[in-house]
């Protein structure tokens, strides 16, 4: 636990993009993505059974990505992160809900995106 503040909101229901990424989120030609993941403190409100919230602070070189948000022609940052989270957490894609605080266009880099 890194002492992060309670997020104060319930995650939205799973989105169609979470179900549609498939396995196409790999980054061609060695694209780079750095992620810091910390499980949040749930505070006074207990989460539903087996539910976890994490805050990820990410930095990436967006040269090889087609922006943040899922789209039919990956690779996108969202698809890349969703596939990584599925591998790490062993969650079914339908139970994963990834929300970004911001979005980017093709080729845009980020440092400290939440």
C-alpha atoms as a PDB file:
ATOM      1  CA  UNK A   1       0.000   0.000   0.000  1.00  0.00           C
ATOM      2  CA  UNK A   2       1.496   3.369  -0.957  1.00  0.00           C
ATOM      3  CA  UNK A   3      -0.942   5.501   1.035  1.00  0.00           C
ATOM      4  CA  UNK A   4      -2.922   6.759  -1.927  1.00  0.00           C
ATOM      5  CA  UNK A   5      -6.162   8.611  -1.270  1.00  0.00           C
ATOM      6  CA  UNK A   6      -9.530   6.927  -1.772  1.00  0.00           C
ATOM      7  CA  UNK A   7     -10.720   7.598  -5.313  1.00  0.00           C
ATOM      8  CA  UNK A   8     -14.210   8.619  -4.134  1.00  0.00           C
ATOM      9  CA  UNK A   9     -16.123   7.136  -7.059  1.00  0.00           C
ATOM     10  CA  UNK A  10     -17.317   3.779  -8.280  1.00  0.00           C
ATOM     11  CA  UNK A  11     -15.839   2.590 -11.553  1.00  0.00           C
ATOM     12  CA  UNK A  12     -18.155   2.713 -14.557  1.00  0.00           C
ATOM     13  CA  UNK A  13     -19.595  -0.465 -15.992  1.00  0.00           C
ATOM     14  CA  UNK A  14     -17.341  -2.378 -18.387  1.00  0.00           C
ATOM     15  CA  UNK A  15     -17.063  -0.663 -21.748  1.00  0.00           C
ATOM     16  CA  UNK A  16     -17.262  -2.181 -25.180  1.00  0.00           C
ATOM     17  CA  UNK A  17     -13.640  -1.216 -25.762  1.00  0.00           C
ATOM     18  CA  UNK A  18     -12.546  -3.479 -22.926  1.00  0.00           C
ATOM     19  CA  UNK A  19     -14.176  -6.412 -24.703  1.00  0.00           C
ATOM     20  CA  UNK A  20     -12.941  -5.501 -28.174  1.00  0.00           C
ATOM     21  CA  UNK A  21      -9.170  -5.045 -27.839  1.00  0.00           C
ATOM     22  CA  UNK A  22      -8.388  -8.683 -28.511  1.00  0.00           C
ATOM     23  CA  UNK A  23      -4.697  -9.453 -28.464  1.00  0.00           C
ATOM     24  CA  UNK A  24      -3.648  -6.616 -30.754  1.00  0.00           C
ATOM     25  CA  UNK A  25      -2.105  -4.276 -28.211  1.00  0.00           C
ATOM     26  CA  UNK A  26       1.522  -5.202 -28.761  1.00  0.00           C
ATOM     27  CA  UNK A  27       3.758  -2.357 -29.791  1.00  0.00           C
ATOM     28  CA  UNK A  28       5.646  -2.851 -33.017  1.00  0.00           C
ATOM     29  CA  UNK A  29       9.330  -1.924 -33.213  1.00  0.00           C
ATOM     30  CA  UNK A  30       9.988  -1.790 -29.475  1.00  0.00           C
ATOM     31  CA  UNK A  31       7.592   0.925 -28.293  1.00  0.00           C
ATOM     32  CA  UNK A  32       8.089   1.804 -24.650  1.00  0.00           C
ATOM     33  CA  UNK A  33       5.588   2.125 -21.812  1.00  0.00           C
ATOM     34  CA  UNK A  34       6.399   2.694 -18.132  1.00  0.00           C
ATOM     35  CA  UNK A  35       3.759   2.082 -15.464  1.00  0.00           C
ATOM     36  CA  UNK A  36       3.598   2.579 -11.698  1.00  0.00           C
ATOM     37  CA  UNK A  37       0.684   0.669 -10.170  1.00  0.00           C
ATOM     38  CA  UNK A  38      -0.528   1.142  -6.611  1.00  0.00           C
ATOM     39  CA  UNK A  39      -3.558  -0.439  -5.014  1.00  0.00           C
ATOM     40  CA  UNK A  40      -5.656   2.293  -3.417  1.00  0.00           C
ATOM     41  CA  UNK A  41      -6.959   2.480   0.127  1.00  0.00           C
ATOM     42  CA  UNK A  42     -10.676   1.811   0.048  1.00  0.00           C
ATOM     43  CA  UNK A  43     -11.405   4.105   3.034  1.00  0.00           C
ATOM     44  CA  UNK A  44     -14.778   3.753   4.793  1.00  0.00           C
ATOM     45  CA  UNK A  45     -16.720   2.186   1.932  1.00  0.00           C
ATOM     46  CA  UNK A  46     -15.809  -1.474   1.427  1.00  0.00           C
ATOM     47  CA  UNK A  47     -15.555  -2.513  -2.222  1.00  0.00           C
ATOM     48  CA  UNK A  48     -17.768  -5.224  -3.657  1.00  0.00           C
ATOM     49  CA  UNK A  49     -16.369  -8.715  -3.159  1.00  0.00           C
ATOM     50  CA  UNK A  50     -13.233  -9.334  -5.234  1.00  0.00           C
ATOM     51  CA  UNK A  51     -13.121  -5.747  -6.555  1.00  0.00           C
ATOM     52  CA  UNK A  52      -9.886  -3.783  -6.582  1.00  0.00           C
ATOM     53  CA  UNK A  53      -9.050  -0.229  -7.596  1.00  0.00           C
ATOM     54  CA  UNK A  54      -5.614   0.817  -8.727  1.00  0.00           C
ATOM     55  CA  UNK A  55      -4.121   4.110  -9.744  1.00  0.00           C
ATOM     56  CA  UNK A  56      -1.520   3.886 -12.472  1.00  0.00           C
ATOM     57  CA  UNK A  57       0.814   6.732 -13.254  1.00  0.00           C
ATOM     58  CA  UNK A  58       2.182   6.100 -16.720  1.00  0.00           C
ATOM     59  CA  UNK A  59       4.768   7.555 -19.043  1.00  0.00           C
ATOM     60  CA  UNK A  60       5.177   6.524 -22.644  1.00  0.00           C
ATOM     61  CA  UNK A  61       6.692   7.354 -25.992  1.00  0.00           C
ATOM     62  CA  UNK A  62       3.596   7.492 -28.187  1.00  0.00           C
ATOM     63  CA  UNK A  63       5.426   7.294 -31.498  1.00  0.00           C
ATOM     64  CA  UNK A  64       4.260   3.719 -32.199  1.00  0.00           C
ATOM     65  CA  UNK A  65       0.743   4.133 -30.725  1.00  0.00           C
ATOM     66  CA  UNK A  66      -2.497   5.322 -32.331  1.00  0.00           C
ATOM     67  CA  UNK A  67      -3.505   7.430 -29.315  1.00  0.00           C
ATOM     68  CA  UNK A  68      -4.983   6.507 -25.926  1.00  0.00           C
ATOM     69  CA  UNK A  69      -8.524   5.305 -26.538  1.00  0.00           C
ATOM     70  CA  UNK A  70      -9.384   1.904 -27.979  1.00  0.00           C
ATOM     71  CA  UNK A  71     -10.043   1.952 -31.694  1.00  0.00           C
ATOM     72  CA  UNK A  72     -10.304  -0.790 -34.311  1.00  0.00           C
ATOM     73  CA  UNK A  73      -6.749  -0.171 -35.571  1.00  0.00           C
ATOM     74  CA  UNK A  74      -4.447  -0.711 -32.559  1.00  0.00           C
ATOM     75  CA  UNK A  75      -1.943  -0.393 -31.048  1.00  0.00           C
ATOM     76  CA  UNK A  76      -3.394   2.082 -28.563  1.00  0.00           C
ATOM     77  CA  UNK A  77      -2.236   2.820 -25.032  1.00  0.00           C
ATOM     78  CA  UNK A  78      -5.561   1.623 -23.596  1.00  0.00           C
ATOM     79  CA  UNK A  79      -5.337  -1.764 -25.358  1.00  0.00           C
ATOM     80  CA  UNK A  80      -1.699  -2.191 -24.340  1.00  0.00           C
ATOM     81  CA  UNK A  81      -2.507  -1.496 -20.670  1.00  0.00           C
ATOM     82  CA  UNK A  82      -5.644  -3.652 -20.663  1.00  0.00           C
ATOM     83  CA  UNK A  83      -3.720  -6.636 -22.016  1.00  0.00           C
ATOM     84  CA  UNK A  84      -0.940  -6.119 -19.453  1.00  0.00           C
ATOM     85  CA  UNK A  85      -3.468  -5.882 -16.603  1.00  0.00           C
ATOM     86  CA  UNK A  86      -5.228  -9.033 -17.782  1.00  0.00           C
ATOM     87  CA  UNK A  87      -1.912 -10.925 -17.758  1.00  0.00           C
ATOM     88  CA  UNK A  88      -0.960  -9.634 -14.289  1.00  0.00           C
ATOM     89  CA  UNK A  89      -4.338  -9.855 -12.539  1.00  0.00           C
ATOM     90  CA  UNK A  90      -5.695 -12.922 -14.385  1.00  0.00           C
ATOM     91  CA  UNK A  91      -9.038 -11.095 -14.638  1.00  0.00           C
ATOM     92  CA  UNK A  92     -11.448 -11.747 -17.468  1.00  0.00           C
ATOM     93  CA  UNK A  93     -11.540  -8.750 -19.823  1.00  0.00           C
ATOM     94  CA  UNK A  94     -15.245  -8.242 -19.077  1.00  0.00           C
ATOM     95  CA  UNK A  95     -14.407  -7.658 -15.399  1.00  0.00           C
ATOM     96  CA  UNK A  96     -11.704  -5.101 -16.146  1.00  0.00           C
ATOM     97  CA  UNK A  97     -12.577  -1.427 -16.460  1.00  0.00           C
ATOM     98  CA  UNK A  98      -9.743   0.907 -17.438  1.00  0.00           C
ATOM     99  CA  UNK A  99     -10.411   4.642 -17.120  1.00  0.00           C
ATOM    100  CA  UNK A 100      -7.923   7.304 -18.205  1.00  0.00           C
ATOM    101  CA  UNK A 101      -7.651  10.872 -16.981  1.00  0.00           C
ATOM    102  CA  UNK A 102      -7.045  12.343 -20.389  1.00  0.00           C
ATOM    103  CA  UNK A 103      -6.593  11.105 -23.904  1.00  0.00           C
ATOM    104  CA  UNK A 104      -4.024  11.576 -26.596  1.00  0.00           C
ATOM    105  CA  UNK A 105      -3.757  11.608 -30.345  1.00  0.00           C
ATOM    106  CA  UNK A 106      -1.521   9.446 -32.502  1.00  0.00           C
ATOM    107  CA  UNK A 107       2.156   9.881 -31.698  1.00  0.00           C
ATOM    108  CA  UNK A 108       1.666  11.953 -28.534  1.00  0.00           C
ATOM    109  CA  UNK A 109       3.946  11.184 -25.566  1.00  0.00           C
ATOM    110  CA  UNK A 110       2.966  11.291 -21.888  1.00  0.00           C
ATOM    111  CA  UNK A 111       4.773  11.742 -18.599  1.00  0.00           C
ATOM    112  CA  UNK A 112       2.763  11.263 -15.404  1.00  0.00           C
ATOM    113  CA  UNK A 113      -0.627  10.506 -16.977  1.00  0.00           C
ATOM    114  CA  UNK A 114      -3.060   9.032 -14.410  1.00  0.00           C
END
